[in-house]
Amino acid sequence: MVVSLTRMLQSFGQAQDDLPTLAAKNAQEMSVNHEQDAAARVIAITQYMSVLH
């Protein structure tokens, strides 16, 4: 009983690679990448517009 309880407690602490956690991490990374891409586009457009004027 003690061994199985210990294993259960360890499994709760090691649940970093379960599907919901991975999905949340991936969604967060995609959001950050999207924001970085959008910022890069704004910078590029701003630089392009400054060259035209």
PDB file of N, CA and C in Angstrom:
ATOM      1  N   MET A   1       0.817  -1.203   0.000  1.00  0.00           N
ATOM      2  CA  MET A   1       0.000   0.000   0.000  1.00  0.00           C
ATOM      3  C   MET A   1       0.855   1.259   0.000  1.00  0.00           C
ATOM      4  N   VAL A   2       1.917   1.268   0.791  1.00  0.00           N
ATOM      5  CA  VAL A   2       2.782   2.436   0.859  1.00  0.00           C
ATOM      6  C   VAL A   2       3.492   2.657  -0.470  1.00  0.00           C
ATOM      7  N   VAL A   3       3.914   1.573  -1.090  1.00  0.00           N
ATOM      8  CA  VAL A   3       4.615   1.692  -2.369  1.00  0.00           C
ATOM      9  C   VAL A   3       3.679   2.252  -3.431  1.00  0.00           C
ATOM     10  N   SER A   4       2.466   1.773  -3.493  1.00  0.00           N
ATOM     11  CA  SER A   4       1.554   2.273  -4.513  1.00  0.00           C
ATOM     12  C   SER A   4       1.181   3.734  -4.254  1.00  0.00           C
ATOM     13  N   LEU A   5       1.043   4.121  -2.990  1.00  0.00           N
ATOM     14  CA  LEU A   5       0.764   5.516  -2.666  1.00  0.00           C
ATOM     15  C   LEU A   5       1.941   6.401  -3.066  1.00  0.00           C
ATOM     16  N   THR A   6       3.157   5.925  -2.811  1.00  0.00           N
ATOM     17  CA  THR A   6       4.352   6.673  -3.208  1.00  0.00           C
ATOM     18  C   THR A   6       4.411   6.831  -4.713  1.00  0.00           C
ATOM     19  N   ARG A   7       4.131   5.769  -5.434  1.00  0.00           N
ATOM     20  CA  ARG A   7       4.132   5.840  -6.902  1.00  0.00           C
ATOM     21  C   ARG A   7       3.069   6.793  -7.407  1.00  0.00           C
ATOM     22  N   MET A   8       1.882   6.777  -6.770  1.00  0.00           N
ATOM     23  CA  MET A   8       0.820   7.699  -7.187  1.00  0.00           C
ATOM     24  C   MET A   8       1.253   9.145  -6.969  1.00  0.00           C
ATOM     25  N   LEU A   9       1.846   9.422  -5.830  1.00  0.00           N
ATOM     26  CA  LEU A   9       2.294  10.787  -5.554  1.00  0.00           C
ATOM     27  C   LEU A   9       3.389  11.211  -6.526  1.00  0.00           C
ATOM     28  N   GLN A  10       4.296  10.293  -6.846  1.00  0.00           N
ATOM     29  CA  GLN A  10       5.346  10.612  -7.813  1.00  0.00           C
ATOM     30  C   GLN A  10       4.748  10.874  -9.188  1.00  0.00           C
ATOM     31  N   SER A  11       3.754  10.097  -9.561  1.00  0.00           N
ATOM     32  CA  SER A  11       3.161  10.273 -10.886  1.00  0.00           C
ATOM     33  C   SER A  11       2.482  11.630 -10.993  1.00  0.00           C
ATOM     34  N   PHE A  12       1.894  12.113  -9.907  1.00  0.00           N
ATOM     35  CA  PHE A  12       1.298  13.450  -9.947  1.00  0.00           C
ATOM     36  C   PHE A  12       2.365  14.513 -10.140  1.00  0.00           C
ATOM     37  N   GLY A  13       3.505  14.329  -9.542  1.00  0.00           N
ATOM     38  CA  GLY A  13       4.588  15.294  -9.682  1.00  0.00           C
ATOM     39  C   GLY A  13       5.264  15.231 -11.032  1.00  0.00           C
ATOM     40  N   GLN A  14       5.135  14.106 -11.724  1.00  0.00           N
ATOM     41  CA  GLN A  14       5.836  13.922 -12.996  1.00  0.00           C
ATOM     42  C   GLN A  14       4.894  14.015 -14.184  1.00  0.00           C
ATOM     43  N   ALA A  15       3.745  14.603 -14.011  1.00  0.00           N
ATOM     44  CA  ALA A  15       2.759  14.666 -15.088  1.00  0.00           C
ATOM     45  C   ALA A  15       3.030  15.820 -16.044  1.00  0.00           C
ATOM     46  N   GLN A  16       4.292  16.116 -16.289  1.00  0.00           N
ATOM     47  CA  GLN A  16       4.652  17.228 -17.161  1.00  0.00           C
ATOM     48  C   GLN A  16       4.488  16.894 -18.641  1.00  0.00           C
ATOM     49  N   ASP A  17       4.439  15.611 -18.955  1.00  0.00           N
ATOM     50  CA  ASP A  17       4.380  15.237 -20.370  1.00  0.00           C
ATOM     51  C   ASP A  17       3.022  14.656 -20.754  1.00  0.00           C
ATOM     52  N   ASP A  18       1.991  14.911 -19.948  1.00  0.00           N
ATOM     53  CA  ASP A  18       0.673  14.428 -20.322  1.00  0.00           C
ATOM     54  C   ASP A  18       0.116  15.300 -21.446  1.00  0.00           C
ATOM     55  N   LEU A  19      -0.873  14.795 -22.144  1.00  0.00           N
ATOM     56  CA  LEU A  19      -1.369  15.475 -23.340  1.00  0.00           C
ATOM     57  C   LEU A  19      -1.939  16.865 -23.065  1.00  0.00           C
ATOM     58  N   PRO A  20      -2.749  17.063 -22.024  1.00  0.00           N
ATOM     59  CA  PRO A  20      -3.242  18.429 -21.792  1.00  0.00           C
ATOM     60  C   PRO A  20      -2.116  19.432 -21.505  1.00  0.00           C
ATOM     61  N   THR A  21      -1.108  18.993 -20.769  1.00  0.00           N
ATOM     62  CA  THR A  21       0.014  19.889 -20.475  1.00  0.00           C
ATOM     63  C   THR A  21       0.784  20.207 -21.742  1.00  0.00           C
ATOM     64  N   LEU A  22       1.042  19.191 -22.562  1.00  0.00           N
ATOM     65  CA  LEU A  22       1.754  19.422 -23.824  1.00  0.00           C
ATOM     66  C   LEU A  22       0.948  20.320 -24.751  1.00  0.00           C
ATOM     67  N   ALA A  23      -0.361  20.111 -24.790  1.00  0.00           N
ATOM     68  CA  ALA A  23      -1.207  20.950 -25.645  1.00  0.00           C
ATOM     69  C   ALA A  23      -1.165  22.404 -25.188  1.00  0.00           C
ATOM     70  N   ALA A  24      -1.209  22.616 -23.884  1.00  0.00           N
ATOM     71  CA  ALA A  24      -1.160  23.982 -23.362  1.00  0.00           C
ATOM     72  C   ALA A  24       0.182  24.629 -23.662  1.00  0.00           C
ATOM     73  N   LYS A  25       1.273  23.876 -23.497  1.00  0.00           N
ATOM     74  CA  LYS A  25       2.601  24.417 -23.804  1.00  0.00           C
ATOM     75  C   LYS A  25       2.716  24.760 -25.279  1.00  0.00           C
ATOM     76  N   ASN A  26       2.217  23.872 -26.132  1.00  0.00           N
ATOM     77  CA  ASN A  26       2.283  24.130 -27.578  1.00  0.00           C
ATOM     78  C   ASN A  26       1.460  25.348 -27.958  1.00  0.00           C
ATOM     79  N   ALA A  27       0.278  25.482 -27.370  1.00  0.00           N
ATOM     80  CA  ALA A  27      -0.564  26.642 -27.667  1.00  0.00           C
ATOM     81  C   ALA A  27       0.118  27.931 -27.229  1.00  0.00           C
ATOM     82  N   GLN A  28       0.758  27.896 -26.079  1.00  0.00           N
ATOM     83  CA  GLN A  28       1.451  29.086 -25.597  1.00  0.00           C
ATOM     84  C   GLN A  28       2.612  29.442 -26.511  1.00  0.00           C
ATOM     85  N   GLU A  29       3.383  28.428 -26.931  1.00  0.00           N
ATOM     86  CA  GLU A  29       4.513  28.682 -27.827  1.00  0.00           C
ATOM     87  C   GLU A  29       4.032  29.225 -29.167  1.00  0.00           C
ATOM     88  N   MET A  30       2.928  28.676 -29.674  1.00  0.00           N
ATOM     89  CA  MET A  30       2.392  29.163 -30.942  1.00  0.00           C
ATOM     90  C   MET A  30       1.934  30.608 -30.809  1.00  0.00           C
ATOM     91  N   SER A  31       1.341  30.943 -29.675  1.00  0.00           N
ATOM     92  CA  SER A  31       0.889  32.311 -29.445  1.00  0.00           C
ATOM     93  C   SER A  31       2.072  33.269 -29.414  1.00  0.00           C
ATOM     94  N   VAL A  32       3.129  32.880 -28.716  1.00  0.00           N
ATOM     95  CA  VAL A  32       4.326  33.717 -28.643  1.00  0.00           C
ATOM     96  C   VAL A  32       4.939  33.875 -30.024  1.00  0.00           C
ATOM     97  N   ASN A  33       5.025  32.776 -30.774  1.00  0.00           N
ATOM     98  CA  ASN A  33       5.588  32.853 -32.126  1.00  0.00           C
ATOM     99  C   ASN A  33       4.741  33.754 -33.016  1.00  0.00           C
ATOM    100  N   HIS A  34       3.429  33.664 -32.881  1.00  0.00           N
ATOM    101  CA  HIS A  34       2.529  34.497 -33.680  1.00  0.00           C
ATOM    102  C   HIS A  34       2.739  35.968 -33.355  1.00  0.00           C
ATOM    103  N   GLU A  35       2.864  36.270 -32.057  1.00  0.00           N
ATOM    104  CA  GLU A  35       3.093  37.657 -31.653  1.00  0.00           C
ATOM    105  C   GLU A  35       4.432  38.168 -32.167  1.00  0.00           C
ATOM    106  N   GLN A  36       5.457  37.320 -32.139  1.00  0.00           N
ATOM    107  CA  GLN A  36       6.768  37.731 -32.647  1.00  0.00           C
ATOM    108  C   GLN A  36       6.712  37.957 -34.147  1.00  0.00           C
ATOM    109  N   ASP A  37       6.000  37.091 -34.871  1.00  0.00           N
ATOM    110  CA  ASP A  37       5.860  37.261 -36.319  1.00  0.00           C
ATOM    111  C   ASP A  37       5.121  38.553 -36.645  1.00  0.00           C
ATOM    112  N   ALA A  38       4.062  38.827 -35.885  1.00  0.00           N
ATOM    113  CA  ALA A  38       3.292  40.049 -36.118  1.00  0.00           C
ATOM    114  C   ALA A  38       4.154  41.279 -35.852  1.00  0.00           C
ATOM    115  N   ALA A  39       4.929  41.246 -34.795  1.00  0.00           N
ATOM    116  CA  ALA A  39       5.809  42.376 -34.479  1.00  0.00           C
ATOM    117  C   ALA A  39       6.855  42.561 -35.570  1.00  0.00           C
ATOM    118  N   ALA A  40       7.398  41.463 -36.074  1.00  0.00           N
ATOM    119  CA  ALA A  40       8.398  41.550 -37.138  1.00  0.00           C
ATOM    120  C   ALA A  40       7.783  42.138 -38.401  1.00  0.00           C
ATOM    121  N   ARG A  41       6.531  41.781 -38.692  1.00  0.00           N
ATOM    122  CA  ARG A  41       5.858  42.341 -39.864  1.00  0.00           C
ATOM    123  C   ARG A  41       5.637  43.843 -39.706  1.00  0.00           C
ATOM    124  N   VAL A  42       5.244  44.261 -38.519  1.00  0.00           N
ATOM    125  CA  VAL A  42       5.029  45.690 -38.273  1.00  0.00           C
ATOM    126  C   VAL A  42       6.336  46.452 -38.456  1.00  0.00           C
ATOM    127  N   ILE A  43       7.418  45.901 -37.939  1.00  0.00           N
ATOM    128  CA  ILE A  43       8.726  46.552 -38.093  1.00  0.00           C
ATOM    129  C   ILE A  43       9.111  46.636 -39.562  1.00  0.00           C
ATOM    130  N   ALA A  44       8.918  45.545 -40.291  1.00  0.00           N
ATOM    131  CA  ALA A  44       9.278  45.535 -41.711  1.00  0.00           C
ATOM    132  C   ALA A  44       8.448  46.540 -42.497  1.00  0.00           C
ATOM    133  N   ILE A  45       7.156  46.595 -42.220  1.00  0.00           N
ATOM    134  CA  ILE A  45       6.287  47.542 -42.932  1.00  0.00           C
ATOM    135  C   ILE A  45       6.671  48.976 -42.579  1.00  0.00           C
ATOM    136  N   THR A  46       6.954  49.219 -41.315  1.00  0.00           N
ATOM    137  CA  THR A  46       7.355  50.560 -40.879  1.00  0.00           C
ATOM    138  C   THR A  46       8.644  50.988 -41.570  1.00  0.00           C
ATOM    139  N   GLN A  47       9.599  50.087 -41.648  1.00  0.00           N
ATOM    140  CA  GLN A  47      10.863  50.402 -42.320  1.00  0.00           C
ATOM    141  C   GLN A  47      10.633  50.648 -43.805  1.00  0.00           C
ATOM    142  N   TYR A  48       9.800  49.831 -44.415  1.00  0.00           N
ATOM    143  CA  TYR A  48       9.491  50.005 -45.836  1.00  0.00           C
ATOM    144  C   TYR A  48       8.821  51.351 -46.093  1.00  0.00           C
ATOM    145  N   MET A  49       7.868  51.707 -45.230  1.00  0.00           N
ATOM    146  CA  MET A  49       7.161  52.967 -45.396  1.00  0.00           C
ATOM    147  C   MET A  49       8.101  54.151 -45.196  1.00  0.00           C
ATOM    148  N   SER A  50       9.061  54.019 -44.287  1.00  0.00           N
ATOM    149  CA  SER A  50      10.001  55.135 -44.060  1.00  0.00           C
ATOM    150  C   SER A  50      10.930  55.310 -45.254  1.00  0.00           C
ATOM    151  N   VAL A  51      11.203  54.251 -45.980  1.00  0.00           N
ATOM    152  CA  VAL A  51      12.049  54.360 -47.179  1.00  0.00           C
ATOM    153  C   VAL A  51      11.286  55.071 -48.288  1.00  0.00           C
ATOM    154  N   LEU A  52       9.982  54.854 -48.359  1.00  0.00           N
ATOM    155  CA  LEU A  52       9.169  55.473 -49.410  1.00  0.00           C
ATOM    156  C   LEU A  52       9.016  56.975 -49.196  1.00  0.00           C
ATOM    157  N   HIS A  53       9.092  57.442 -47.971  1.00  0.00           N
ATOM    158  CA  HIS A  53       8.865  58.860 -47.700  1.00  0.00           C
ATOM    159  C   HIS A  53      10.150  59.589 -47.648  1.00  0.00           C
TER     160      HIS A  53
END
